[in-house]
Protein backbone atom coordinates (compact mmCIF):
# COMPACT_ATOMS: atom_id res chain seq x y z
CA MET A 1 124.50 81.46 121.08
CA TRP A 2 126.54 78.23 120.83
CA TYR A 3 127.19 78.20 124.57
CA GLN A 4 123.51 78.89 125.37
CA VAL A 5 122.31 76.10 123.08
CA GLN A 6 124.78 73.60 124.54
CA LYS A 7 123.82 74.54 128.11
CA THR A 8 120.11 74.12 127.33
CA VAL A 9 120.66 70.82 125.52
CA SER A 10 122.72 69.48 128.45
CA PHE A 11 119.97 70.46 130.91
CA ILE A 12 117.26 68.73 128.83
CA LYS A 13 119.33 65.58 128.31
CA GLU A 14 119.98 65.31 132.04
CA LYS A 15 116.24 65.61 132.70
CA THR A 16 114.99 63.31 129.94
CA ASN A 17 117.80 61.13 128.49
CA PHE A 18 115.80 61.27 125.25
CA THR A 19 116.95 61.51 121.60
CA PRO A 20 114.03 62.55 119.37
CA GLU A 21 114.07 62.12 115.59
CA TYR A 22 111.09 64.39 114.90
CA GLY A 23 110.41 67.90 116.14
CA VAL A 24 106.90 69.34 115.95
CA ILE A 25 105.97 73.01 116.46
CA LEU A 26 102.26 73.45 117.19
CA GLY A 27 100.55 76.68 116.19
CA SER A 28 97.49 78.55 117.46
CA GLY A 29 94.68 76.21 118.50
CA LEU A 30 96.61 73.09 117.48
CA GLY A 31 98.21 72.20 120.81
CA SER A 32 96.21 69.04 121.52
CA PHE A 33 98.29 67.06 119.01
CA THR A 34 100.21 66.06 122.12
CA ASP A 35 97.26 63.77 122.98
CA ASP A 36 98.55 61.53 120.16
CA ILE A 37 101.97 61.23 121.80
CA GLN A 38 102.80 58.52 124.32
CA ILE A 39 104.28 61.10 126.67
CA GLU A 40 107.45 60.28 128.60
CA PHE A 41 108.50 63.75 129.80
CA THR A 42 107.07 67.26 129.84
CA LEU A 43 109.14 70.35 130.56
CA ALA A 44 107.47 73.75 131.00
CA TYR A 45 109.32 76.48 129.13
CA GLY A 46 109.82 78.30 132.43
CA GLU A 47 111.95 75.40 133.71
CA ILE A 48 114.31 75.37 130.73
CA PRO A 49 117.44 77.57 130.80
CA ASN A 50 117.54 80.28 128.09
CA PHE A 51 114.03 79.45 126.84
CA PRO A 52 111.58 82.32 126.22
CA ILE A 53 108.05 82.12 127.63
CA SER A 54 105.01 81.95 125.34
CA THR A 55 102.66 84.89 125.97
CA VAL A 56 99.89 84.21 123.43
CA GLN A 57 96.47 82.68 124.12
CA GLY A 58 96.30 79.21 122.56
CA HIS A 59 100.00 78.51 123.18
CA LYS A 60 100.45 76.45 126.35
CA GLY A 61 104.21 76.67 126.73
CA ALA A 62 105.80 73.24 127.21
CA LEU A 63 108.20 70.82 125.54
CA VAL A 64 106.61 67.38 125.31
CA PHE A 65 108.79 64.30 124.77
CA GLY A 66 107.43 60.91 123.80
CA THR A 67 106.72 58.44 121.06
CA ILE A 68 104.31 58.00 118.17
CA GLY A 69 104.52 54.33 117.26
CA ASN A 70 108.23 53.60 117.26
CA LYS A 71 109.23 57.19 116.43
CA LYS A 72 110.65 59.48 119.10
CA VAL A 73 109.19 62.98 119.05
CA VAL A 74 109.61 66.31 120.82
CA ALA A 75 106.71 68.74 120.42
CA MET A 76 106.62 72.45 121.21
CA GLN A 77 103.22 73.08 122.74
CA GLY A 78 103.22 76.76 121.84
CA ARG A 79 105.75 78.78 119.87
CA PHE A 80 107.34 82.21 120.12
CA HIS A 81 106.73 85.14 117.80
CA TYR A 82 108.73 88.20 116.84
CA TYR A 83 105.70 90.40 117.61
CA GLU A 84 105.85 89.34 121.26
CA GLY A 85 109.02 91.40 121.56
CA TYR A 86 111.54 88.58 121.24
CA SER A 87 114.49 88.79 118.89
CA MET A 88 114.57 86.42 115.92
CA GLN A 89 117.38 84.54 117.67
CA GLU A 90 115.11 84.01 120.69
CA VAL A 91 112.15 83.02 118.48
CA THR A 92 114.23 80.33 116.77
CA PHE A 93 116.32 79.24 119.77
CA PRO A 94 114.18 76.11 120.40
CA VAL A 95 114.84 74.93 116.82
CA ARG A 96 118.58 75.11 117.49
CA VAL A 97 118.05 73.11 120.66
CA MET A 98 115.94 70.49 118.86
CA LYS A 99 118.70 69.91 116.33
CA PHE A 100 121.28 69.24 119.03
CA LEU A 101 118.88 66.96 120.87
CA GLY A 102 118.89 64.79 117.74
CA VAL A 103 115.98 66.08 115.62
CA GLU A 104 116.50 65.67 111.86
CA LYS A 105 112.93 66.32 110.67
CA LEU A 106 110.85 69.34 111.70
CA ILE A 107 107.08 69.63 111.26
CA VAL A 108 105.57 73.09 111.72
CA SER A 109 101.90 74.03 111.87
CA ASN A 110 100.21 77.40 111.97
CA ALA A 111 96.95 79.28 111.56
CA SER A 112 96.84 81.70 108.65
CA GLY A 113 94.64 84.01 106.62
CA GLY A 114 93.77 82.79 103.15
CA VAL A 115 93.87 84.87 99.97
CA ASN A 116 93.58 82.03 97.46
CA PRO A 117 89.91 82.01 96.30
CA ASN A 118 89.96 78.20 96.23
CA TYR A 119 90.46 78.14 100.00
CA GLU A 120 87.80 78.41 102.68
CA VAL A 121 87.87 78.69 106.46
CA GLY A 122 89.07 75.32 107.74
CA SER A 123 91.13 74.42 104.65
CA VAL A 124 94.31 72.46 105.42
CA VAL A 125 97.22 73.71 103.32
CA ILE A 126 100.51 71.88 102.77
CA LEU A 127 103.19 74.55 102.46
CA LYS A 128 105.35 74.18 99.36
CA ASP A 129 107.26 77.46 99.73
CA HIS A 130 107.28 80.75 101.61
CA ILE A 131 107.96 84.45 101.16
CA ASN A 132 109.84 86.15 103.98
CA MET A 133 108.62 89.71 104.55
CA MET A 134 109.43 89.94 108.23
CA PRO A 135 111.55 93.00 109.17
CA GLU A 136 114.35 90.99 110.80
CA HIS A 137 116.22 87.88 109.65
CA PRO A 138 117.13 85.06 112.07
CA LEU A 139 120.55 84.58 110.45
CA ARG A 140 121.58 88.25 110.61
CA GLY A 141 124.86 88.80 112.41
CA LYS A 142 128.07 86.84 112.71
CA ASN A 143 127.60 83.30 111.39
CA ASP A 144 128.66 80.32 113.49
CA GLU A 145 129.76 77.55 111.13
CA ARG A 146 128.97 74.98 113.83
CA PHE A 147 125.30 75.69 113.11
CA GLY A 148 125.43 76.07 109.34
CA PRO A 149 126.75 78.05 106.34
CA ARG A 150 126.90 81.83 106.03
CA PHE A 151 124.89 81.86 102.79
CA LEU A 152 122.04 79.40 102.99
CA ASN A 153 120.50 77.82 99.91
CA MET A 154 116.70 78.09 100.26
CA SER A 155 115.71 76.36 97.02
CA GLU A 156 113.84 73.67 99.01
CA PRO A 157 112.62 75.11 102.31
CA TYR A 158 109.95 72.41 102.57
CA SER A 159 110.92 68.83 101.77
CA THR A 160 109.50 67.70 98.43
CA ASN A 161 109.72 64.09 99.64
CA MET A 162 107.71 64.83 102.79
CA ILE A 163 105.16 66.80 100.75
CA ALA A 164 104.71 63.92 98.31
CA LYS A 165 104.27 61.43 101.15
CA ALA A 166 101.77 63.67 102.96
CA LYS A 167 99.66 64.07 99.82
CA VAL A 168 99.44 60.29 99.40
CA LEU A 169 98.54 59.84 103.07
CA ALA A 170 95.90 62.59 102.92
CA LYS A 171 94.30 60.97 99.89
CA ASN A 172 94.25 57.56 101.59
CA MET A 173 92.68 59.12 104.70
CA ASN A 174 90.14 61.08 102.65
CA ILE A 175 91.46 64.38 104.01
CA LYS A 176 91.18 67.25 101.54
CA VAL A 177 94.42 69.24 101.39
CA GLU A 178 95.54 72.22 99.37
CA GLU A 179 99.09 73.22 98.46
CA GLY A 180 100.22 76.78 98.83
CA ILE A 181 102.80 79.48 99.46
CA TYR A 182 102.89 81.14 102.89
CA LEU A 183 103.90 84.76 103.36
CA GLY A 184 105.33 85.78 106.73
CA LEU A 185 104.56 89.24 108.15
CA GLN A 186 105.47 90.62 111.56
CA GLY A 187 102.02 91.11 113.13
CA PRO A 188 100.40 91.28 115.65
CA THR A 189 97.71 93.13 113.68
CA PHE A 190 95.62 91.13 111.28
CA GLU A 191 96.11 92.36 107.75
CA THR A 192 94.15 95.21 106.21
CA LEU A 193 92.19 94.47 103.05
CA ALA A 194 94.88 96.27 101.06
CA GLU A 195 97.57 94.14 102.70
CA TYR A 196 95.67 90.94 101.90
CA LYS A 197 95.50 92.11 98.28
CA MET A 198 99.27 92.76 98.37
CA VAL A 199 99.87 89.21 99.66
CA LYS A 200 97.89 87.82 96.74
CA ILE A 201 99.68 90.04 94.18
CA LEU A 202 103.05 88.89 95.54
CA GLY A 203 102.14 85.29 94.72
CA ALA A 204 101.27 83.86 98.13
CA ASP A 205 98.17 81.86 99.03
CA CYS A 206 98.06 82.55 102.76
CA VAL A 207 99.64 84.87 105.31
CA GLY A 208 100.66 84.59 108.95
CA MET A 209 103.02 85.74 111.68
CA SER A 210 105.24 82.71 112.31
CA THR A 211 106.86 79.63 110.74
CA VAL A 212 109.25 81.37 108.31
CA PRO A 213 112.01 82.14 110.86
CA GLU A 214 111.82 78.61 112.31
CA VAL A 215 112.09 76.98 108.88
CA ILE A 216 115.01 79.21 107.88
CA VAL A 217 116.93 78.21 111.01
CA ALA A 218 116.01 74.54 110.61
CA ARG A 219 117.29 74.57 107.03
CA HIS A 220 120.43 76.39 108.21
CA MET A 221 121.14 73.23 110.24
CA ASN A 222 120.11 70.92 107.38
CA MET A 223 116.89 69.71 109.00
CA GLU A 224 114.17 68.39 106.69
CA CYS A 225 111.03 70.53 107.04
CA PHE A 226 107.30 70.03 106.49
CA GLY A 227 104.67 72.72 107.03
CA LEU A 228 100.88 72.69 107.45
CA SER A 229 98.66 75.74 107.66
CA VAL A 230 95.02 75.90 108.73
CA ILE A 231 93.06 78.69 107.05
CA THR A 232 91.24 80.41 109.88
CA ASP A 233 89.95 83.47 108.03
CA MET A 234 89.66 84.69 104.43
CA GLY A 235 91.18 88.02 103.46
CA ASN A 236 88.41 89.39 101.27
CA GLU A 237 85.70 92.06 101.46
CA GLU A 238 83.08 89.65 102.79
CA ASN A 239 85.05 88.33 105.75
CA ILE A 240 87.63 90.88 106.82
CA GLU A 241 85.47 92.74 109.36
CA THR A 242 84.90 89.63 111.48
CA VAL A 243 88.50 88.54 112.16
CA SER A 244 89.45 88.12 115.84
CA HIS A 245 91.95 85.90 117.66
CA ASP A 246 89.13 83.93 119.32
CA GLU A 247 87.63 83.15 115.90
CA VAL A 248 91.05 82.09 114.65
CA LEU A 249 91.36 79.64 117.57
CA GLN A 250 87.83 78.30 116.97
CA ALA A 251 88.50 77.72 113.27
CA ALA A 252 91.81 76.01 114.04
CA LYS A 253 90.08 73.73 116.55
CA LYS A 254 87.57 72.57 113.93
CA ALA A 255 90.34 71.63 111.50
CA GLU A 256 92.58 70.17 114.20
CA PRO A 257 91.47 66.49 113.88
CA HIS A 258 92.59 66.45 110.23
CA VAL A 259 95.88 68.18 111.03
CA ARG A 260 96.56 65.84 113.93
CA SER A 261 95.82 62.75 111.86
CA LEU A 262 97.99 63.87 108.97
CA ILE A 263 100.98 64.78 111.15
CA LYS A 264 100.67 61.52 113.08
CA GLU A 265 100.56 59.40 109.92
CA LEU A 266 103.44 61.30 108.35
CA ILE A 267 105.61 60.66 111.39
CA LEU A 268 104.66 56.97 111.40
CA ASN A 269 105.20 56.42 107.69
CA TYR A 270 108.03 58.70 106.61
């Protein structure tokens, strides 16, 4: 893994000569955040050594390098998921690469199903914690101390400082945000009604198929993390029959202006 990461980082540096401070991973239907970036370089995943290829509708598949104000940013326009058949090491490989490109702060976004009755379709949720119920762990196997410690402290997966700043910014921008706990499941099936009920019983507010592995690996390398989730469907008796991927993308698109604005302002002001 170390050799692969170093080879990929060397390739990207030769192509871009760019040292980003912020990394951004854009979830389903949220890829147009890159319109807010003064783009300097774009690399398709297919051009990058050792990179997987995104196979999911709504994930374009490119690394975008540029600036927001005076902050240097690299954005993943499309992420990888365990359900696509990739290993957890492949899913999280880009996060390793980001770290060695210079990224110290990682912002992740996703689309998720809500189980908190205070949420509605289109709610923007700041993640304060997560529950990992995926069947594989990205740190399983021999640990390489050059990346991080064998036993990782996960008491603060999402930066309390970044959360506090984002809440102030959201209030100033008149953007309604919720706070919640995200539960990660494998997918690719949407949850059954019984599974949604389980998610709620376990203490989570929303559920999805990504984010958790990336945040674990980012924290393994001592990156500061911030997460946003857009509620694209509600896991209750009234709504469960209507869930489809197209509807998820449509709901994410409606909430996207708020998500884009909040991420942009957080990068500018934190």
